[in-house]
Amino acid sequence: MSEVPRPTELRLHQKSRELEVAYPDGTRFRLPCEYLRVFSPSAEVRGHGPGQETLVTGKEEVNIVRIEPVGQYAVKLVFDDGHDTGIYSWETLWELARNRERYWQAYQERLARARATEGGA
């Protein structure tokens, strides 16, 4: 497997609530803050092992208020809902960007199942 590229630029678009990530080869991704929040790599969201993931909901209006560097390998995204424990490594950002469509579809399906369960109980 090839090495994960390090972003050359991270640009926060607060009005559209998106984080733009640029790579050395010219590839750019625009990742919605909601997407980054619900897929936070924090233990609060991902749990401490398989099957412990939390379905994060109600983050449609969430925004990033700060981006803090973490060494040479990651950034910490601070969200306006107070969430600030996710460390987004370059590998995590690359994975989230490359798989956005598939991950978002799976998230929407989980959300629909959770709503159906709530409504049918």
PDB file of N, CA and C in Angstrom:
ATOM      1  N   MET A   1       0.846  -1.193   0.000  1.00  0.00           N
ATOM      2  CA  MET A   1       0.000   0.000   0.000  1.00  0.00           C
ATOM      3  C   MET A   1       0.880   1.243   0.000  1.00  0.00           C
ATOM      4  N   SER A   2       0.486   2.228  -0.767  1.00  0.00           N
ATOM      5  CA  SER A   2       1.286   3.443  -0.836  1.00  0.00           C
ATOM      6  C   SER A   2       1.080   4.284   0.420  1.00  0.00           C
ATOM      7  N   GLU A   3       2.037   5.148   0.650  1.00  0.00           N
ATOM      8  CA  GLU A   3       1.977   6.021   1.819  1.00  0.00           C
ATOM      9  C   GLU A   3       0.839   7.030   1.662  1.00  0.00           C
ATOM     10  N   VAL A   4       0.172   7.329   2.745  1.00  0.00           N
ATOM     11  CA  VAL A   4      -0.934   8.288   2.725  1.00  0.00           C
ATOM     12  C   VAL A   4      -0.350   9.683   2.557  1.00  0.00           C
ATOM     13  N   PRO A   5      -0.865  10.458   1.604  1.00  0.00           N
ATOM     14  CA  PRO A   5      -0.318  11.800   1.395  1.00  0.00           C
ATOM     15  C   PRO A   5      -0.692  12.748   2.522  1.00  0.00           C
ATOM     16  N   ARG A   6       0.224  13.646   2.805  1.00  0.00           N
ATOM     17  CA  ARG A   6      -0.036  14.683   3.798  1.00  0.00           C
ATOM     18  C   ARG A   6      -0.715  15.857   3.092  1.00  0.00           C
ATOM     19  N   PRO A   7      -1.782  16.392   3.660  1.00  0.00           N
ATOM     20  CA  PRO A   7      -2.449  17.524   3.019  1.00  0.00           C
ATOM     21  C   PRO A   7      -1.504  18.716   2.867  1.00  0.00           C
ATOM     22  N   THR A   8      -1.658  19.427   1.784  1.00  0.00           N
ATOM     23  CA  THR A   8      -0.878  20.643   1.567  1.00  0.00           C
ATOM     24  C   THR A   8      -1.633  21.866   2.063  1.00  0.00           C
ATOM     25  N   GLU A   9      -2.949  21.708   2.246  1.00  0.00           N
ATOM     26  CA  GLU A   9      -3.765  22.830   2.697  1.00  0.00           C
ATOM     27  C   GLU A   9      -5.034  22.312   3.362  1.00  0.00           C
ATOM     28  N   LEU A  10      -5.405  22.964   4.450  1.00  0.00           N
ATOM     29  CA  LEU A  10      -6.699  22.750   5.098  1.00  0.00           C
ATOM     30  C   LEU A  10      -7.352  24.126   5.145  1.00  0.00           C
ATOM     31  N   ARG A  11      -8.512  24.260   4.522  1.00  0.00           N
ATOM     32  CA  ARG A  11      -9.194  25.547   4.492  1.00  0.00           C
ATOM     33  C   ARG A  11     -10.621  25.362   4.989  1.00  0.00           C
ATOM     34  N   LEU A  12     -10.947  26.092   6.033  1.00  0.00           N
ATOM     35  CA  LEU A  12     -12.290  26.022   6.598  1.00  0.00           C
ATOM     36  C   LEU A  12     -13.186  27.049   5.917  1.00  0.00           C
ATOM     37  N   HIS A  13     -14.303  26.563   5.387  1.00  0.00           N
ATOM     38  CA  HIS A  13     -15.324  27.426   4.784  1.00  0.00           C
ATOM     39  C   HIS A  13     -16.487  27.456   5.777  1.00  0.00           C
ATOM     40  N   GLN A  14     -16.483  28.453   6.660  1.00  0.00           N
ATOM     41  CA  GLN A  14     -17.479  28.467   7.734  1.00  0.00           C
ATOM     42  C   GLN A  14     -18.900  28.678   7.234  1.00  0.00           C
ATOM     43  N   LYS A  15     -19.093  29.493   6.203  1.00  0.00           N
ATOM     44  CA  LYS A  15     -20.456  29.739   5.719  1.00  0.00           C
ATOM     45  C   LYS A  15     -21.091  28.463   5.171  1.00  0.00           C
ATOM     46  N   SER A  16     -20.331  27.690   4.406  1.00  0.00           N
ATOM     47  CA  SER A  16     -20.878  26.446   3.849  1.00  0.00           C
ATOM     48  C   SER A  16     -20.645  25.262   4.796  1.00  0.00           C
ATOM     49  N   ARG A  17     -19.967  25.514   5.912  1.00  0.00           N
ATOM     50  CA  ARG A  17     -19.660  24.487   6.916  1.00  0.00           C
ATOM     51  C   ARG A  17     -18.957  23.288   6.268  1.00  0.00           C
ATOM     52  N   GLU A  18     -17.835  23.584   5.609  1.00  0.00           N
ATOM     53  CA  GLU A  18     -17.043  22.538   4.966  1.00  0.00           C
ATOM     54  C   GLU A  18     -15.558  22.772   5.227  1.00  0.00           C
ATOM     55  N   LEU A  19     -14.841  21.679   5.315  1.00  0.00           N
ATOM     56  CA  LEU A  19     -13.386  21.725   5.414  1.00  0.00           C
ATOM     57  C   LEU A  19     -12.838  21.254   4.080  1.00  0.00           C
ATOM     58  N   GLU A  20     -12.072  22.113   3.429  1.00  0.00           N
ATOM     59  CA  GLU A  20     -11.452  21.756   2.159  1.00  0.00           C
ATOM     60  C   GLU A  20     -10.052  21.231   2.445  1.00  0.00           C
ATOM     61  N   VAL A  21      -9.766  20.059   1.896  1.00  0.00           N
ATOM     62  CA  VAL A  21      -8.471  19.424   2.103  1.00  0.00           C
ATOM     63  C   VAL A  21      -7.820  19.261   0.736  1.00  0.00           C
ATOM     64  N   ALA A  22      -6.611  19.814   0.585  1.00  0.00           N
ATOM     65  CA  ALA A  22      -5.886  19.740  -0.683  1.00  0.00           C
ATOM     66  C   ALA A  22      -4.656  18.850  -0.508  1.00  0.00           C
ATOM     67  N   TYR A  23      -4.317  18.130  -1.580  1.00  0.00           N
ATOM     68  CA  TYR A  23      -3.181  17.206  -1.568  1.00  0.00           C
ATOM     69  C   TYR A  23      -2.161  17.586  -2.635  1.00  0.00           C
ATOM     70  N   PRO A  24      -0.927  17.090  -2.479  1.00  0.00           N
ATOM     71  CA  PRO A  24       0.153  17.453  -3.401  1.00  0.00           C
ATOM     72  C   PRO A  24      -0.148  17.199  -4.875  1.00  0.00           C
ATOM     73  N   ASP A  25      -0.951  16.190  -5.187  1.00  0.00           N
ATOM     74  CA  ASP A  25      -1.240  15.869  -6.587  1.00  0.00           C
ATOM     75  C   ASP A  25      -2.350  16.737  -7.175  1.00  0.00           C
ATOM     76  N   GLY A  26      -2.833  17.718  -6.397  1.00  0.00           N
ATOM     77  CA  GLY A  26      -3.882  18.606  -6.879  1.00  0.00           C
ATOM     78  C   GLY A  26      -5.285  18.168  -6.484  1.00  0.00           C
ATOM     79  N   THR A  27      -5.419  16.979  -5.923  1.00  0.00           N
ATOM     80  CA  THR A  27      -6.721  16.493  -5.472  1.00  0.00           C
ATOM     81  C   THR A  27      -7.218  17.369  -4.329  1.00  0.00           C
ATOM     82  N   ARG A  28      -8.502  17.705  -4.392  1.00  0.00           N
ATOM     83  CA  ARG A  28      -9.140  18.492  -3.325  1.00  0.00           C
ATOM     84  C   ARG A  28     -10.451  17.822  -2.942  1.00  0.00           C
ATOM     85  N   PHE A  29     -10.726  17.828  -1.661  1.00  0.00           N
ATOM     86  CA  PHE A  29     -11.987  17.305  -1.142  1.00  0.00           C
ATOM     87  C   PHE A  29     -12.622  18.386  -0.282  1.00  0.00           C
ATOM     88  N   ARG A  30     -13.937  18.490  -0.351  1.00  0.00           N
ATOM     89  CA  ARG A  30     -14.684  19.371   0.548  1.00  0.00           C
ATOM     90  C   ARG A  30     -15.526  18.472   1.439  1.00  0.00           C
ATOM     91  N   LEU A  31     -15.182  18.474   2.712  1.00  0.00           N
ATOM     92  CA  LEU A  31     -15.836  17.583   3.671  1.00  0.00           C
ATOM     93  C   LEU A  31     -16.739  18.400   4.591  1.00  0.00           C
ATOM     94  N   PRO A  32     -18.038  18.119   4.588  1.00  0.00           N
ATOM     95  CA  PRO A  32     -18.956  18.845   5.467  1.00  0.00           C
ATOM     96  C   PRO A  32     -18.587  18.643   6.940  1.00  0.00           C
ATOM     97  N   CYS A  33     -18.767  19.697   7.711  1.00  0.00           N
ATOM     98  CA  CYS A  33     -18.478  19.614   9.147  1.00  0.00           C
ATOM     99  C   CYS A  33     -19.329  18.531   9.804  1.00  0.00           C
ATOM    100  N   GLU A  34     -20.578  18.414   9.387  1.00  0.00           N
ATOM    101  CA  GLU A  34     -21.448  17.369   9.948  1.00  0.00           C
ATOM    102  C   GLU A  34     -20.826  15.998   9.721  1.00  0.00           C
ATOM    103  N   TYR A  35     -20.352  15.741   8.533  1.00  0.00           N
ATOM    104  CA  TYR A  35     -19.718  14.459   8.198  1.00  0.00           C
ATOM    105  C   TYR A  35     -18.498  14.220   9.093  1.00  0.00           C
ATOM    106  N   LEU A  36     -17.644  15.227   9.225  1.00  0.00           N
ATOM    107  CA  LEU A  36     -16.452  15.079  10.057  1.00  0.00           C
ATOM    108  C   LEU A  36     -16.825  14.861  11.525  1.00  0.00           C
ATOM    109  N   ARG A  37     -17.894  15.507  11.975  1.00  0.00           N
ATOM    110  CA  ARG A  37     -18.328  15.370  13.375  1.00  0.00           C
ATOM    111  C   ARG A  37     -18.890  13.974  13.646  1.00  0.00           C
ATOM    112  N   VAL A  38     -19.745  13.474  12.765  1.00  0.00           N
ATOM    113  CA  VAL A  38     -20.365  12.170  13.037  1.00  0.00           C
ATOM    114  C   VAL A  38     -19.381  11.023  12.815  1.00  0.00           C
ATOM    115  N   PHE A  39     -18.291  11.265  12.088  1.00  0.00           N
ATOM    116  CA  PHE A  39     -17.256  10.260  11.895  1.00  0.00           C
ATOM    117  C   PHE A  39     -15.984  10.609  12.665  1.00  0.00           C
ATOM    118  N   SER A  40     -16.130  11.361  13.738  1.00  0.00           N
ATOM    119  CA  SER A  40     -14.981  11.724  14.564  1.00  0.00           C
ATOM    120  C   SER A  40     -14.240  10.463  15.008  1.00  0.00           C
ATOM    121  N   PRO A  41     -12.903  10.501  14.962  1.00  0.00           N
ATOM    122  CA  PRO A  41     -12.133   9.341  15.407  1.00  0.00           C
ATOM    123  C   PRO A  41     -12.026   9.241  16.931  1.00  0.00           C
ATOM    124  N   SER A  42     -12.811  10.005  17.664  1.00  0.00           N
ATOM    125  CA  SER A  42     -12.752   9.987  19.126  1.00  0.00           C
ATOM    126  C   SER A  42     -13.377   8.716  19.697  1.00  0.00           C
ATOM    127  N   ALA A  43     -12.957   8.363  20.898  1.00  0.00           N
ATOM    128  CA  ALA A  43     -13.544   7.212  21.595  1.00  0.00           C
ATOM    129  C   ALA A  43     -15.026   7.462  21.875  1.00  0.00           C
ATOM    130  N   GLU A  44     -15.403   8.719  22.071  1.00  0.00           N
ATOM    131  CA  GLU A  44     -16.807   9.074  22.319  1.00  0.00           C
ATOM    132  C   GLU A  44     -17.696   8.617  21.168  1.00  0.00           C
ATOM    133  N   VAL A  45     -17.190   8.702  19.941  1.00  0.00           N
ATOM    134  CA  VAL A  45     -17.963   8.328  18.764  1.00  0.00           C
ATOM    135  C   VAL A  45     -17.682   6.889  18.343  1.00  0.00           C
ATOM    136  N   ARG A  46     -16.426   6.523  18.270  1.00  0.00           N
ATOM    137  CA  ARG A  46     -16.043   5.198  17.760  1.00  0.00           C
ATOM    138  C   ARG A  46     -16.048   4.109  18.813  1.00  0.00           C
ATOM    139  N   GLY A  47     -16.100   4.493  20.085  1.00  0.00           N
ATOM    140  CA  GLY A  47     -16.045   3.500  21.146  1.00  0.00           C
ATOM    141  C   GLY A  47     -14.619   3.003  21.342  1.00  0.00           C
ATOM    142  N   HIS A  48     -14.505   1.977  22.159  1.00  0.00           N
ATOM    143  CA  HIS A  48     -13.178   1.427  22.458  1.00  0.00           C
ATOM    144  C   HIS A  48     -12.946   0.091  21.778  1.00  0.00           C
ATOM    145  N   GLY A  49     -13.853  -0.287  20.896  1.00  0.00           N
ATOM    146  CA  GLY A  49     -13.693  -1.546  20.169  1.00  0.00           C
ATOM    147  C   GLY A  49     -14.828  -1.741  19.187  1.00  0.00           C
ATOM    148  N   PRO A  50     -14.735  -2.773  18.366  1.00  0.00           N
ATOM    149  CA  PRO A  50     -15.780  -3.045  17.373  1.00  0.00           C
ATOM    150  C   PRO A  50     -17.154  -3.194  18.024  1.00  0.00           C
ATOM    151  N   GLY A  51     -18.153  -2.606  17.377  1.00  0.00           N
ATOM    152  CA  GLY A  51     -19.519  -2.719  17.879  1.00  0.00           C
ATOM    153  C   GLY A  51     -19.871  -1.698  18.944  1.00  0.00           C
ATOM    154  N   GLN A  52     -18.920  -0.858  19.328  1.00  0.00           N
ATOM    155  CA  GLN A  52     -19.180   0.139  20.371  1.00  0.00           C
ATOM    156  C   GLN A  52     -19.409   1.537  19.803  1.00  0.00           C
ATOM    157  N   GLU A  53     -19.534   1.633  18.472  1.00  0.00           N
ATOM    158  CA  GLU A  53     -19.713   2.925  17.836  1.00  0.00           C
ATOM    159  C   GLU A  53     -21.025   3.560  18.276  1.00  0.00           C
ATOM    160  N   THR A  54     -21.021   4.879  18.381  1.00  0.00           N
ATOM    161  CA  THR A  54     -22.209   5.642  18.739  1.00  0.00           C
ATOM    162  C   THR A  54     -22.760   6.297  17.478  1.00  0.00           C
ATOM    163  N   LEU A  55     -24.059   6.219  17.288  1.00  0.00           N
ATOM    164  CA  LEU A  55     -24.705   6.903  16.170  1.00  0.00           C
ATOM    165  C   LEU A  55     -24.944   8.344  16.603  1.00  0.00           C
ATOM    166  N   VAL A  56     -24.155   9.250  16.060  1.00  0.00           N
ATOM    167  CA  VAL A  56     -24.250  10.666  16.397  1.00  0.00           C
ATOM    168  C   VAL A  56     -25.309  11.294  15.495  1.00  0.00           C
ATOM    169  N   THR A  57     -26.252  11.998  16.102  1.00  0.00           N
ATOM    170  CA  THR A  57     -27.341  12.618  15.341  1.00  0.00           C
ATOM    171  C   THR A  57     -27.462  14.094  15.692  1.00  0.00           C
ATOM    172  N   GLY A  58     -28.249  14.817  14.906  1.00  0.00           N
ATOM    173  CA  GLY A  58     -28.550  16.211  15.203  1.00  0.00           C
ATOM    174  C   GLY A  58     -27.389  17.166  14.992  1.00  0.00           C
ATOM    175  N   LYS A  59     -26.493  16.841  14.084  1.00  0.00           N
ATOM    176  CA  LYS A  59     -25.309  17.681  13.866  1.00  0.00           C
ATOM    177  C   LYS A  59     -25.342  18.406  12.521  1.00  0.00           C
ATOM    178  N   GLU A  60     -26.530  18.567  11.956  1.00  0.00           N
ATOM    179  CA  GLU A  60     -26.666  19.188  10.639  1.00  0.00           C
ATOM    180  C   GLU A  60     -26.100  20.600  10.591  1.00  0.00           C
ATOM    181  N   GLU A  61     -26.175  21.332  11.690  1.00  0.00           N
ATOM    182  CA  GLU A  61     -25.733  22.734  11.727  1.00  0.00           C
ATOM    183  C   GLU A  61     -24.370  22.908  12.394  1.00  0.00           C
ATOM    184  N   VAL A  62     -23.708  21.829  12.756  1.00  0.00           N
ATOM    185  CA  VAL A  62     -22.436  21.940  13.466  1.00  0.00           C
ATOM    186  C   VAL A  62     -21.372  22.568  12.575  1.00  0.00           C
ATOM    187  N   ASN A  63     -20.466  23.305  13.208  1.00  0.00           N
ATOM    188  CA  ASN A  63     -19.385  23.943  12.472  1.00  0.00           C
ATOM    189  C   ASN A  63     -18.083  23.720  13.230  1.00  0.00           C
ATOM    190  N   ILE A  64     -16.989  23.910  12.541  1.00  0.00           N
ATOM    191  CA  ILE A  64     -15.663  23.835  13.158  1.00  0.00           C
ATOM    192  C   ILE A  64     -15.284  25.250  13.554  1.00  0.00           C
ATOM    193  N   VAL A  65     -14.817  25.402  14.791  1.00  0.00           N
ATOM    194  CA  VAL A  65     -14.413  26.727  15.251  1.00  0.00           C
ATOM    195  C   VAL A  65     -12.896  26.876  15.280  1.00  0.00           C
ATOM    196  N   ARG A  66     -12.180  25.746  15.331  1.00  0.00           N
ATOM    197  CA  ARG A  66     -10.723  25.819  15.398  1.00  0.00           C
ATOM    198  C   ARG A  66     -10.106  24.544  14.846  1.00  0.00           C
ATOM    199  N   ILE A  67      -8.973  24.698  14.199  1.00  0.00           N
ATOM    200  CA  ILE A  67      -8.175  23.571  13.724  1.00  0.00           C
ATOM    201  C   ILE A  67      -6.807  23.702  14.390  1.00  0.00           C
ATOM    202  N   GLU A  68      -6.443  22.703  15.179  1.00  0.00           N
ATOM    203  CA  GLU A  68      -5.181  22.752  15.906  1.00  0.00           C
ATOM    204  C   GLU A  68      -4.248  21.659  15.407  1.00  0.00           C
ATOM    205  N   PRO A  69      -2.998  22.011  15.060  1.00  0.00           N
ATOM    206  CA  PRO A  69      -2.047  20.982  14.625  1.00  0.00           C
ATOM    207  C   PRO A  69      -1.691  20.044  15.784  1.00  0.00           C
ATOM    208  N   VAL A  70      -1.497  18.778  15.456  1.00  0.00           N
ATOM    209  CA  VAL A  70      -1.037  17.791  16.427  1.00  0.00           C
ATOM    210  C   VAL A  70       0.229  17.179  15.830  1.00  0.00           C
ATOM    211  N   GLY A  71       1.362  17.659  16.280  1.00  0.00           N
ATOM    212  CA  GLY A  71       2.632  17.195  15.728  1.00  0.00           C
ATOM    213  C   GLY A  71       2.675  17.393  14.224  1.00  0.00           C
ATOM    214  N   GLN A  72       3.310  16.450  13.533  1.00  0.00           N
ATOM    215  CA  GLN A  72       3.420  16.494  12.079  1.00  0.00           C
ATOM    216  C   GLN A  72       2.487  15.483  11.418  1.00  0.00           C
ATOM    217  N   TYR A  73       1.561  14.901  12.210  1.00  0.00           N
ATOM    218  CA  TYR A  73       0.780  13.780  11.684  1.00  0.00           C
ATOM    219  C   TYR A  73      -0.722  13.946  11.729  1.00  0.00           C
ATOM    220  N   ALA A  74      -1.231  15.044  12.314  1.00  0.00           N
ATOM    221  CA  ALA A  74      -2.682  15.124  12.514  1.00  0.00           C
ATOM    222  C   ALA A  74      -3.116  16.548  12.851  1.00  0.00           C
ATOM    223  N   VAL A  75      -4.448  16.718  12.909  1.00  0.00           N
ATOM    224  CA  VAL A  75      -5.051  17.945  13.426  1.00  0.00           C
ATOM    225  C   VAL A  75      -6.173  17.562  14.384  1.00  0.00           C
ATOM    226  N   LYS A  76      -6.416  18.461  15.315  1.00  0.00           N
ATOM    227  CA  LYS A  76      -7.571  18.319  16.198  1.00  0.00           C
ATOM    228  C   LYS A  76      -8.591  19.333  15.717  1.00  0.00           C
ATOM    229  N   LEU A  77      -9.801  18.858  15.439  1.00  0.00           N
ATOM    230  CA  LEU A  77     -10.879  19.737  15.017  1.00  0.00           C
ATOM    231  C   LEU A  77     -11.750  20.041  16.231  1.00  0.00           C
ATOM    232  N   VAL A  78     -11.951  21.325  16.487  1.00  0.00           N
ATOM    233  CA  VAL A  78     -12.789  21.767  17.602  1.00  0.00           C
ATOM    234  C   VAL A  78     -14.106  22.252  17.001  1.00  0.00           C
ATOM    235  N   PHE A  79     -15.197  21.602  17.412  1.00  0.00           N
ATOM    236  CA  PHE A  79     -16.522  21.897  16.879  1.00  0.00           C
ATOM    237  C   PHE A  79     -17.286  22.837  17.808  1.00  0.00           C
ATOM    238  N   ASP A  80     -18.247  23.565  17.236  1.00  0.00           N
ATOM    239  CA  ASP A  80     -18.999  24.532  18.030  1.00  0.00           C
ATOM    240  C   ASP A  80     -20.001  23.891  18.991  1.00  0.00           C
ATOM    241  N   ASP A  81     -20.147  22.559  18.936  1.00  0.00           N
ATOM    242  CA  ASP A  81     -20.999  21.882  19.922  1.00  0.00           C
ATOM    243  C   ASP A  81     -20.175  21.434  21.130  1.00  0.00           C
ATOM    244  N   GLY A  82     -18.891  21.839  21.165  1.00  0.00           N
ATOM    245  CA  GLY A  82     -18.025  21.509  22.290  1.00  0.00           C
ATOM    246  C   GLY A  82     -17.173  20.265  22.078  1.00  0.00           C
ATOM    247  N   HIS A  83     -17.437  19.504  21.028  1.00  0.00           N
ATOM    248  CA  HIS A  83     -16.662  18.280  20.771  1.00  0.00           C
ATOM    249  C   HIS A  83     -15.259  18.668  20.309  1.00  0.00           C
ATOM    250  N   ASP A  84     -14.245  18.145  21.033  1.00  0.00           N
ATOM    251  CA  ASP A  84     -12.868  18.492  20.673  1.00  0.00           C
ATOM    252  C   ASP A  84     -11.882  17.362  20.965  1.00  0.00           C
ATOM    253  N   THR A  85     -12.380  16.130  21.026  1.00  0.00           N
ATOM    254  CA  THR A  85     -11.492  15.024  21.405  1.00  0.00           C
ATOM    255  C   THR A  85     -11.045  14.162  20.235  1.00  0.00           C
ATOM    256  N   GLY A  86     -11.468  14.480  19.029  1.00  0.00           N
ATOM    257  CA  GLY A  86     -11.056  13.685  17.877  1.00  0.00           C
ATOM    258  C   GLY A  86      -9.749  14.179  17.293  1.00  0.00           C
ATOM    259  N   ILE A  87      -8.785  13.291  17.163  1.00  0.00           N
ATOM    260  CA  ILE A  87      -7.523  13.603  16.500  1.00  0.00           C
ATOM    261  C   ILE A  87      -7.607  13.009  15.087  1.00  0.00           C
ATOM    262  N   TYR A  88      -7.613  13.868  14.103  1.00  0.00           N
ATOM    263  CA  TYR A  88      -7.753  13.451  12.707  1.00  0.00           C
ATOM    264  C   TYR A  88      -6.354  13.321  12.105  1.00  0.00           C
ATOM    265  N   SER A  89      -5.839  12.104  12.099  1.00  0.00           N
ATOM    266  CA  SER A  89      -4.528  11.873  11.491  1.00  0.00           C
ATOM    267  C   SER A  89      -4.648  12.090   9.991  1.00  0.00           C
ATOM    268  N   TRP A  90      -3.510  12.242   9.322  1.00  0.00           N
ATOM    269  CA  TRP A  90      -3.549  12.390   7.861  1.00  0.00           C
ATOM    270  C   TRP A  90      -4.203  11.159   7.241  1.00  0.00           C
ATOM    271  N   GLU A  91      -3.939   9.998   7.815  1.00  0.00           N
ATOM    272  CA  GLU A  91      -4.545   8.761   7.306  1.00  0.00           C
ATOM    273  C   GLU A  91      -6.063   8.792   7.467  1.00  0.00           C
ATOM    274  N   THR A  92      -6.542   9.244   8.615  1.00  0.00           N
ATOM    275  CA  THR A  92      -7.988   9.329   8.858  1.00  0.00           C
ATOM    276  C   THR A  92      -8.648  10.307   7.894  1.00  0.00           C
ATOM    277  N   LEU A  93      -8.050  11.480   7.714  1.00  0.00           N
ATOM    278  CA  LEU A  93      -8.622  12.461   6.785  1.00  0.00           C
ATOM    279  C   LEU A  93      -8.675  11.909   5.369  1.00  0.00           C
ATOM    280  N   TRP A  94      -7.606  11.242   4.942  1.00  0.00           N
ATOM    281  CA  TRP A  94      -7.543  10.655   3.602  1.00  0.00           C
ATOM    282  C   TRP A  94      -8.637   9.600   3.450  1.00  0.00           C
ATOM    283  N   GLU A  95      -8.775   8.743   4.464  1.00  0.00           N
ATOM    284  CA  GLU A  95      -9.797   7.689   4.427  1.00  0.00           C
ATOM    285  C   GLU A  95     -11.200   8.297   4.363  1.00  0.00           C
ATOM    286  N   LEU A  96     -11.469   9.296   5.202  1.00  0.00           N
ATOM    287  CA  LEU A  96     -12.787   9.938   5.207  1.00  0.00           C
ATOM    288  C   LEU A  96     -13.075  10.624   3.876  1.00  0.00           C
ATOM    289  N   ALA A  97     -12.061  11.236   3.302  1.00  0.00           N
ATOM    290  CA  ALA A  97     -12.246  11.929   2.022  1.00  0.00           C
ATOM    291  C   ALA A  97     -12.488  10.929   0.894  1.00  0.00           C
ATOM    292  N   ARG A  98     -11.672   9.899   0.805  1.00  0.00           N
ATOM    293  CA  ARG A  98     -11.765   8.931  -0.285  1.00  0.00           C
ATOM    294  C   ARG A  98     -13.037   8.085  -0.220  1.00  0.00           C
ATOM    295  N   ASN A  99     -13.577   7.898   0.970  1.00  0.00           N
ATOM    296  CA  ASN A  99     -14.735   7.020   1.152  1.00  0.00           C
ATOM    297  C   ASN A  99     -15.996   7.779   1.540  1.00  0.00           C
ATOM    298  N   ARG A 100     -15.996   9.083   1.329  1.00  0.00           N
ATOM    299  CA  ARG A 100     -17.104   9.913   1.806  1.00  0.00           C
ATOM    300  C   ARG A 100     -18.471   9.417   1.340  1.00  0.00           C
ATOM    301  N   GLU A 101     -18.611   9.157   0.069  1.00  0.00           N
ATOM    302  CA  GLU A 101     -19.917   8.769  -0.466  1.00  0.00           C
ATOM    303  C   GLU A 101     -20.419   7.474   0.187  1.00  0.00           C
ATOM    304  N   ARG A 102     -19.550   6.490   0.252  1.00  0.00           N
ATOM    305  CA  ARG A 102     -19.923   5.187   0.824  1.00  0.00           C
ATOM    306  C   ARG A 102     -20.214   5.304   2.321  1.00  0.00           C
ATOM    307  N   TYR A 103     -19.357   6.016   3.054  1.00  0.00           N
ATOM    308  CA  TYR A 103     -19.551   6.179   4.500  1.00  0.00           C
ATOM    309  C   TYR A 103     -20.835   6.960   4.789  1.00  0.00           C
ATOM    310  N   TRP A 104     -21.080   8.014   3.994  1.00  0.00           N
ATOM    311  CA  TRP A 104     -22.267   8.837   4.237  1.00  0.00           C
ATOM    312  C   TRP A 104     -23.535   8.033   3.960  1.00  0.00           C
ATOM    313  N   GLN A 105     -23.520   7.233   2.911  1.00  0.00           N
ATOM    314  CA  GLN A 105     -24.669   6.376   2.590  1.00  0.00           C
ATOM    315  C   GLN A 105     -24.941   5.407   3.733  1.00  0.00           C
ATOM    316  N   ALA A 106     -23.898   4.778   4.252  1.00  0.00           N
ATOM    317  CA  ALA A 106     -24.056   3.836   5.368  1.00  0.00           C
ATOM    318  C   ALA A 106     -24.583   4.563   6.607  1.00  0.00           C
ATOM    319  N   TYR A 107     -24.111   5.766   6.847  1.00  0.00           N
ATOM    320  CA  TYR A 107     -24.581   6.566   7.980  1.00  0.00           C
ATOM    321  C   TYR A 107     -26.070   6.873   7.825  1.00  0.00           C
ATOM    322  N   GLN A 108     -26.476   7.293   6.621  1.00  0.00           N
ATOM    323  CA  GLN A 108     -27.882   7.608   6.373  1.00  0.00           C
ATOM    324  C   GLN A 108     -28.763   6.378   6.587  1.00  0.00           C
ATOM    325  N   GLU A 109     -28.269   5.218   6.189  1.00  0.00           N
ATOM    326  CA  GLU A 109     -29.020   3.969   6.394  1.00  0.00           C
ATOM    327  C   GLU A 109     -29.142   3.641   7.878  1.00  0.00           C
ATOM    328  N   ARG A 110     -28.067   3.813   8.635  1.00  0.00           N
ATOM    329  CA  ARG A 110     -28.122   3.586  10.088  1.00  0.00           C
ATOM    330  C   ARG A 110     -29.103   4.548  10.742  1.00  0.00           C
ATOM    331  N   LEU A 111     -29.074   5.784  10.294  1.00  0.00           N
ATOM    332  CA  LEU A 111     -29.972   6.806  10.828  1.00  0.00           C
ATOM    333  C   LEU A 111     -31.426   6.435  10.552  1.00  0.00           C
ATOM    334  N   ALA A 112     -31.716   6.004   9.341  1.00  0.00           N
ATOM    335  CA  ALA A 112     -33.081   5.621   8.968  1.00  0.00           C
ATOM    336  C   ALA A 112     -33.547   4.418   9.807  1.00  0.00           C
ATOM    337  N   ARG A 113     -32.660   3.442  10.005  1.00  0.00           N
ATOM    338  CA  ARG A 113     -33.023   2.274  10.830  1.00  0.00           C
ATOM    339  C   ARG A 113     -33.298   2.693  12.269  1.00  0.00           C
ATOM    340  N   ALA A 114     -32.483   3.593  12.798  1.00  0.00           N
ATOM    341  CA  ALA A 114     -32.673   4.052  14.181  1.00  0.00           C
ATOM    342  C   ALA A 114     -33.992   4.793  14.315  1.00  0.00           C
ATOM    343  N   ARG A 115     -34.324   5.614  13.351  1.00  0.00           N
ATOM    344  CA  ARG A 115     -35.594   6.358  13.389  1.00  0.00           C
ATOM    345  C   ARG A 115     -36.781   5.409  13.262  1.00  0.00           C
ATOM    346  N   ALA A 116     -36.653   4.388  12.418  1.00  0.00           N
ATOM    347  CA  ALA A 116     -37.731   3.402  12.250  1.00  0.00           C
ATOM    348  C   ALA A 116     -37.948   2.633  13.547  1.00  0.00           C
ATOM    349  N   THR A 117     -36.846   2.292  14.214  1.00  0.00           N
ATOM    350  CA  THR A 117     -36.930   1.564  15.486  1.00  0.00           C
ATOM    351  C   THR A 117     -37.594   2.420  16.558  1.00  0.00           C
ATOM    352  N   GLU A 118     -37.205   3.706  16.609  1.00  0.00           N
ATOM    353  CA  GLU A 118     -37.793   4.627  17.584  1.00  0.00           C
ATOM    354  C   GLU A 118     -39.297   4.773  17.333  1.00  0.00           C
ATOM    355  N   GLY A 119     -39.679   4.894  16.062  1.00  0.00           N
ATOM    356  CA  GLY A 119     -41.078   5.099  15.705  1.00  0.00           C
ATOM    357  C   GLY A 119     -41.931   3.849  15.883  1.00  0.00           C
ATOM    358  N   GLY A 120     -41.305   2.682  15.744  1.00  0.00           N
ATOM    359  CA  GLY A 120     -42.059   1.443  15.814  1.00  0.00           C
ATOM    360  C   GLY A 120     -42.115   0.824  17.199  1.00  0.00           C
ATOM    361  N   ALA A 121     -41.372   1.390  18.131  1.00  0.00           N
ATOM    362  CA  ALA A 121     -41.315   0.794  19.482  1.00  0.00           C
ATOM    363  C   ALA A 121     -42.485   1.216  20.321  1.00  0.00           C
TER     364      ALA A 121
END
